[in-house]
Amino acid sequence: MQGQIRWEGDVRFRAQTGSGHELTLDGPTASGGDNAGPRPMELMLLGVGACASYDVVMILKKSRQAVTGCVARLEAHQEHDPPRVFTRMHLHFVVTGHDLSLRKVTRAVRLSVDTYCPASITLQRSGVVVEHSVEVVHEAQPG
């Protein structure tokens, strides 16, 4: 995996992934930023949520669950003093589908967060408490 970060002035940076995607990162206005993009720690939180969500959906599909939606609501807590590392993270998954098994959805989330998602595992190994919860929304079968 590769990437590149290019400083664009003040506290703004342009990130480019090895796969060719680009995005702007910016610092808070109190540090000279102008809210032109997400903060680096926000991206780290989103990375964990996206990684875990990918696993959850793939596990549910392999379990033959008729999943139609998956939303991960993320919350992280940081130390107050620099370097303001994450101390705790909570991932709440709202999974929508037809005839979903709460047991299978809960299992998929647990497997993702605690076993498969490298972003979550990396943080946990560094001492971050990563918690998760599940909500299942049943949709009516079409027609």
Foldseek 3Di string as FASTA:
>chain_A
DDKDWADDDQAKIWIADPVGDIDIEFDDVVRPTDPRDHHPVVVLQVLQQVLLQVQLVVQCVVVVFFWDDKDWDKDWAFDPDPVGDTAEMEIEIEIEGAPDDPVSSVVSSCCSQPPNRPSNVVVVVVNHHYYYYYHYHHDDDDD
